[in-house]
Protein backbone atom coordinates (compact mmCIF):
# COMPACT_ATOMS: atom_id res chain seq x y z
CA MET A 1 -96.54 -2.04 -74.95
CA SER A 2 -93.43 -0.57 -76.55
CA ARG A 3 -90.09 -0.47 -74.85
CA PRO A 4 -89.61 2.37 -72.35
CA ARG A 5 -88.86 5.77 -73.82
CA LYS A 6 -85.54 6.15 -71.99
CA ALA A 7 -84.23 2.95 -73.59
CA VAL A 8 -84.47 4.37 -77.12
CA ALA A 9 -81.28 6.00 -78.38
CA PRO A 10 -82.06 9.13 -80.43
CA VAL A 11 -81.00 9.64 -84.04
CA ASP A 12 -78.88 12.72 -84.66
CA VAL A 13 -80.23 14.86 -87.51
CA LEU A 14 -78.08 17.97 -88.01
CA GLY A 15 -77.34 18.08 -84.32
CA VAL A 16 -80.92 17.48 -83.15
CA PRO A 17 -81.57 14.21 -81.24
CA ILE A 18 -84.81 12.74 -82.62
CA ALA A 19 -86.55 9.65 -81.26
CA PRO A 20 -86.61 6.77 -83.79
CA ALA A 21 -90.21 5.96 -82.92
CA THR A 22 -93.28 4.84 -84.78
CA MET A 23 -96.60 6.55 -84.13
CA ASP A 24 -97.81 3.55 -82.12
CA GLU A 25 -94.75 3.73 -79.88
CA ALA A 26 -95.21 7.46 -79.38
CA VAL A 27 -98.81 6.97 -78.25
CA ASP A 28 -97.73 4.18 -75.90
CA TRP A 29 -95.11 6.46 -74.31
CA VAL A 30 -97.77 9.10 -73.75
CA ASP A 31 -100.05 6.53 -72.15
CA GLN A 32 -97.24 5.28 -69.92
CA ALA A 33 -96.41 8.82 -68.80
CA ILE A 34 -100.04 9.51 -67.86
CA ALA A 35 -100.38 6.22 -66.01
CA SER A 36 -97.18 6.79 -64.00
CA ARG A 37 -97.67 10.59 -63.70
CA GLU A 38 -94.18 11.00 -65.13
CA ARG A 39 -93.58 14.24 -67.04
CA LEU A 40 -93.29 13.82 -70.81
CA HIS A 41 -92.68 17.08 -72.63
CA VAL A 42 -93.13 16.25 -76.33
CA GLY A 43 -91.32 18.29 -78.95
CA VAL A 44 -91.62 18.01 -82.73
CA VAL A 45 -89.34 19.42 -85.40
CA ASN A 46 -89.62 19.96 -89.12
CA ALA A 47 -87.08 21.36 -91.57
CA ALA A 48 -87.96 24.98 -90.81
CA LYS A 49 -87.60 24.55 -87.07
CA ILE A 50 -84.24 22.81 -87.40
CA VAL A 51 -83.01 25.75 -89.49
CA ASN A 52 -84.41 28.30 -87.06
CA MET A 53 -82.82 26.48 -84.11
CA ARG A 54 -79.42 27.18 -85.65
CA ARG A 55 -80.24 30.88 -85.82
CA ASP A 56 -81.93 31.18 -82.44
CA PRO A 57 -79.98 29.75 -79.47
CA GLU A 58 -82.96 30.25 -77.16
CA LEU A 59 -85.26 28.22 -79.42
CA ARG A 60 -82.59 25.51 -79.64
CA ARG A 61 -82.24 25.41 -75.85
CA ASP A 62 -86.00 25.23 -75.36
CA VAL A 63 -86.47 22.40 -77.90
CA PHE A 64 -83.64 20.51 -76.24
CA ALA A 65 -85.52 20.88 -72.94
CA SER A 66 -88.16 18.48 -74.32
CA ASP A 67 -88.14 14.96 -72.91
CA VAL A 68 -88.55 13.50 -76.39
CA VAL A 69 -88.42 15.03 -79.89
CA PHE A 70 -90.22 13.51 -82.87
CA ALA A 71 -89.85 14.14 -86.62
CA ASP A 72 -92.85 16.24 -87.63
CA GLY A 73 -91.93 16.43 -91.31
CA MET A 74 -91.05 13.85 -93.97
CA SER A 75 -88.03 15.97 -94.93
CA VAL A 76 -86.53 15.23 -91.50
CA VAL A 77 -87.15 11.48 -91.97
CA TRP A 78 -85.50 11.55 -95.41
CA ALA A 79 -82.57 13.59 -94.06
CA SER A 80 -82.00 10.99 -91.33
CA ARG A 81 -81.78 8.25 -93.95
CA VAL A 82 -79.40 10.23 -96.16
CA LEU A 83 -77.19 10.77 -93.13
CA GLY A 84 -77.31 7.14 -92.00
CA GLY A 85 -79.75 7.40 -89.08
CA ARG A 86 -82.98 5.98 -90.50
CA LEU A 87 -85.95 7.28 -88.54
CA PRO A 88 -88.75 4.72 -89.10
CA GLU A 89 -91.51 7.21 -89.91
CA ARG A 90 -92.89 10.67 -89.36
CA VAL A 91 -94.71 11.37 -86.09
CA ALA A 92 -96.59 14.50 -87.13
CA GLY A 93 -97.82 16.69 -84.29
CA ILE A 94 -101.41 16.85 -85.53
CA ASP A 95 -101.59 13.07 -86.07
CA LEU A 96 -100.13 12.42 -82.63
CA MET A 97 -102.75 14.74 -81.14
CA HIS A 98 -105.59 12.75 -82.73
CA ARG A 99 -104.05 9.42 -81.74
CA ILE A 100 -103.73 10.63 -78.14
CA LEU A 101 -107.40 11.62 -78.20
CA GLU A 102 -108.34 8.20 -79.62
CA ARG A 103 -106.42 6.45 -76.85
CA GLY A 104 -107.99 8.81 -74.34
CA GLN A 105 -111.43 7.59 -75.32
CA THR A 106 -110.94 4.43 -73.32
CA ARG A 107 -108.68 5.94 -70.66
CA GLY A 108 -110.76 9.01 -69.83
CA TYR A 109 -107.95 11.49 -70.44
CA ARG A 110 -108.38 15.02 -69.13
CA VAL A 111 -107.32 17.53 -71.81
CA TYR A 112 -106.52 21.25 -71.72
CA LEU A 113 -106.16 23.41 -74.85
CA LEU A 114 -103.83 26.40 -74.95
CA GLY A 115 -103.28 28.68 -77.92
CA ALA A 116 -104.76 30.00 -81.18
CA THR A 117 -107.54 32.60 -81.16
CA ARG A 118 -110.44 32.52 -78.73
CA GLU A 119 -112.82 31.40 -81.50
CA VAL A 120 -110.49 28.63 -82.72
CA VAL A 121 -109.70 27.21 -79.29
CA GLU A 122 -113.36 27.20 -78.24
CA THR A 123 -114.45 25.58 -81.53
CA SER A 124 -111.69 22.99 -81.18
CA ALA A 125 -112.82 22.16 -77.65
CA GLU A 126 -116.38 21.64 -78.89
CA LYS A 127 -115.23 19.39 -81.76
CA MET A 128 -113.03 17.32 -79.46
CA ARG A 129 -115.94 16.75 -77.09
CA ALA A 130 -118.17 15.72 -80.00
CA SER A 131 -115.63 13.48 -81.76
CA TYR A 132 -114.05 11.98 -78.65
CA PRO A 133 -116.79 11.81 -75.98
CA GLY A 134 -114.67 9.56 -73.77
CA ILE A 135 -112.24 12.40 -72.99
CA SER A 136 -112.83 15.44 -70.78
CA VAL A 137 -111.79 18.87 -72.07
CA VAL A 138 -111.20 20.47 -68.67
CA GLY A 139 -110.23 23.95 -69.87
CA SER A 140 -109.03 26.17 -72.67
CA GLN A 141 -107.16 29.44 -73.05
CA HIS A 142 -106.46 31.44 -76.20
CA GLY A 143 -102.85 32.19 -77.05
CA TYR A 144 -103.02 35.98 -77.04
CA PHE A 145 -102.01 36.58 -73.46
CA THR A 146 -99.19 38.84 -72.41
CA ASP A 147 -95.94 37.90 -70.70
CA ALA A 148 -97.32 39.43 -67.52
CA GLU A 149 -100.30 37.05 -67.71
CA GLU A 150 -98.22 33.89 -68.20
CA GLU A 151 -98.11 32.93 -64.54
CA ALA A 152 -101.89 33.25 -64.18
CA VAL A 153 -102.36 31.07 -67.29
CA ALA A 154 -99.98 28.46 -65.87
CA THR A 155 -101.83 28.52 -62.55
CA ALA A 156 -105.20 27.99 -64.26
CA ILE A 157 -103.81 24.99 -66.15
CA ALA A 158 -102.37 23.47 -62.98
CA GLU A 159 -105.68 23.92 -61.13
CA ALA A 160 -107.59 22.13 -63.93
CA LYS A 161 -105.38 19.03 -63.40
CA PRO A 162 -105.27 17.83 -67.01
CA ASP A 163 -103.47 14.68 -68.14
CA VAL A 164 -102.54 16.25 -71.47
CA LEU A 165 -101.85 19.87 -72.42
CA PHE A 166 -102.05 20.65 -76.14
CA VAL A 167 -100.17 23.89 -76.86
CA ALA A 168 -101.05 25.66 -80.12
CA ILE A 169 -98.80 28.69 -79.77
CA THR A 170 -96.40 29.49 -82.60
CA SER A 171 -92.67 28.83 -82.30
CA PRO A 172 -90.55 29.94 -80.56
CA ARG A 173 -93.07 31.27 -77.99
CA LYS A 174 -94.57 27.80 -77.58
CA GLU A 175 -91.22 26.22 -76.71
CA ARG A 176 -90.37 29.09 -74.39
CA PHE A 177 -93.67 28.81 -72.52
CA LEU A 178 -93.26 25.06 -72.00
CA ALA A 179 -89.61 25.37 -71.00
CA ARG A 180 -90.49 28.06 -68.47
CA TRP A 181 -93.64 26.56 -66.94
CA SER A 182 -93.94 22.81 -67.64
CA SER A 183 -92.28 21.84 -64.35
CA ARG A 184 -94.89 23.89 -62.45
CA LEU A 185 -97.95 22.80 -64.39
CA GLY A 186 -98.16 19.31 -62.90
CA VAL A 187 -99.31 17.97 -66.29
CA PRO A 188 -97.86 14.58 -67.26
CA VAL A 189 -97.91 15.21 -71.03
CA CYS A 190 -97.30 18.57 -72.73
CA HIS A 191 -97.49 18.45 -76.52
CA GLY A 192 -96.88 21.44 -78.80
CA VAL A 193 -99.33 21.04 -81.68
CA GLY A 194 -98.59 24.16 -83.74
CA GLY A 195 -101.45 24.99 -86.10
CA SER A 196 -103.36 21.76 -85.41
CA LEU A 197 -106.25 23.56 -83.71
CA ASP A 198 -106.68 25.81 -86.78
CA VAL A 199 -107.10 22.64 -88.84
CA LEU A 200 -109.45 21.04 -86.31
CA ALA A 201 -111.60 24.18 -86.15
CA GLY A 202 -111.83 24.33 -89.96
CA LYS A 203 -109.89 27.58 -90.32
CA VAL A 204 -107.08 25.91 -92.31
CA GLU A 205 -107.38 22.92 -94.64
CA ARG A 206 -104.83 20.16 -94.17
CA ALA A 207 -102.97 18.77 -97.17
CA PRO A 208 -104.36 15.55 -98.71
CA GLU A 209 -102.59 12.35 -97.70
CA ALA A 210 -100.83 12.08 -101.07
CA TRP A 211 -99.19 15.47 -100.51
CA GLN A 212 -98.23 14.42 -96.98
CA ARG A 213 -96.59 11.19 -98.18
CA LEU A 214 -94.53 13.17 -100.71
CA GLY A 215 -93.37 15.58 -98.03
CA LEU A 216 -95.25 18.47 -99.67
CA GLU A 217 -97.53 19.47 -96.82
CA TRP A 218 -95.57 22.74 -96.56
CA LEU A 219 -96.36 23.50 -100.24
CA TYR A 220 -100.07 22.95 -99.63
CA ARG A 221 -99.83 25.47 -96.78
CA VAL A 222 -98.13 27.96 -99.11
CA LYS A 223 -100.91 27.42 -101.66
CA GLN A 224 -103.45 28.52 -99.06
CA GLU A 225 -101.47 31.50 -97.73
CA PRO A 226 -98.93 32.38 -100.45
CA ARG A 227 -98.21 35.99 -99.44
CA ARG A 228 -97.48 35.08 -95.83
CA LEU A 229 -95.66 31.79 -96.27
CA TRP A 230 -93.88 31.50 -99.62
CA ARG A 231 -90.73 33.36 -98.63
CA ARG A 232 -90.47 31.65 -95.23
CA TYR A 233 -90.61 28.15 -96.70
CA LEU A 234 -88.44 28.95 -99.73
CA VAL A 235 -85.65 30.26 -97.53
CA THR A 236 -85.78 27.62 -94.78
CA ASN A 237 -86.20 24.67 -97.15
CA THR A 238 -83.28 25.82 -99.29
CA ILE A 239 -81.07 26.20 -96.22
CA PHE A 240 -82.16 22.80 -94.91
CA VAL A 241 -81.27 21.05 -98.18
CA GLY A 242 -77.88 22.76 -98.12
CA LEU A 243 -77.22 21.68 -94.54
CA VAL A 244 -78.11 18.06 -95.33
CA ALA A 245 -75.92 18.10 -98.46
CA ARG A 246 -72.92 19.44 -96.55
CA ALA A 247 -73.40 16.91 -93.76
CA PHE A 248 -73.65 14.11 -96.33
CA VAL A 249 -70.40 15.20 -98.00
CA ARG A 250 -68.63 15.38 -94.63
CA ARG A 251 -69.91 11.88 -93.87
CA LEU A 252 -68.51 10.55 -97.17
CA ILE A 253 -65.16 12.23 -96.57
CA GLY A 254 -65.01 10.85 -93.05
CA ARG A 255 -65.85 7.35 -94.30
CA GLY A 256 -63.16 7.58 -96.96
CA SER A 257 -60.48 8.67 -94.51
CA SER A 258 -61.20 5.63 -92.34
CA LEU A 259 -60.54 3.14 -95.16
CA PRO A 260 -57.19 1.27 -95.08
CA ALA A 261 -54.50 2.52 -97.44
């Protein structure tokens, strides 16, 4: 087993504390949390989310409410290395979801799915049951519920007694839901998986591994939905590069000022 989660000092990337964990360590922490019934609220960040956190104080506060934050994108890993932190690898939300399901095969994890459309979440539940027969999908709920219905949704999740809650609601609503209700759900592990259920259900095609290794998964997404996504990624990626460049220059200046005369 890996060392306990609390013993790992986070790496600061543009003010966001990110766990310097491998995928294997992340899965071990999840397993430990389920075994001990200790709450582990998993957050993941990519370049776009880090940029949006600077614009949206509520999103920033809700991400910081996570018990551990992993680097979802290669751009965050590269930024950490430029800035002297060196995250070991990316722990992508969708890959972590599948690794949790694989581990759950032998552990008998109870899983609840929250988010996406009714068709996507139901199809995802069916595919999980078929691909990972050792787990139990104990419930699902689409993501198009109102604020007034939130408490009833949280109650239904708590009554199902899952070990893992996969949340496929878009940011920042996902983070806000978990920050507001995770302490009342009684679920050891809450993991925000973004659009992972759309990929699992076959609605969206994931980028090939070569694109992922090059940090171009975002570009593959734009290729599939150019009208909806091109501006969002162009703006946030440009801002992210600028933030990293400025932080790098400040680091060089600070290093220079500490040298003896």
